[in-house]
Amino acid sequence: MTSIVYRDPSRGVGRLASGINVTLVEAPYRSARIHLISPLVYVTFEGKRLVVPAGFVCDGASIPSALWVRLGHPLAWANAAMGIVHDHGYRMGERPREEVDMLAWDMALLGGHPDELAAEIHAGVAIWGGAAWEANAQKRAACQGDTARLLAWV
């Protein structure tokens, strides 16, 4: 069973310390992919710098199309930034899953989503993200320390 950690409402939100420079890559039979051209730097409320390096490839926020009206398109700025930071956290596995999922909440707030909607986004990744977390653990094992290969693997 997945436990959901709730965000302290007095906690502030982090900030992007860089722009988002990406290209969209069309993929046959799949959704478009985001290819990060320059590093994306996010500074958490606590002051931790999280750097997603240039070359990272992901699919943006994994939002089911039925929820696009409510949450926005996965490649819209607010969701793309959240997806890049969250997907990188899952792919690299350098932080506990709960911390990475909390980043989705922070990034949703930073992107302008109201707190209730950001909470729903967090609940979604906390409840349904387990399969993606495990799939990324298998990717890490398959790459055997080849970080460049892992960053580009979608």
Foldseek 3Di string as FASTA:
>chain_A
DFDADDDDVVQAFKAKPDDFDWDWADDPPDAIKTFTQAWTWIQGSVGDIDIQGGGAIGRFAPDPPVCCVPQNDRCPPLRRVLRSQLLVCLLVVPDDNNVSLVSQLSSNVVSPDPNVVSSVSSVVCRVPVPVSSVVSVVLCVVCVPVVSVSRNDD
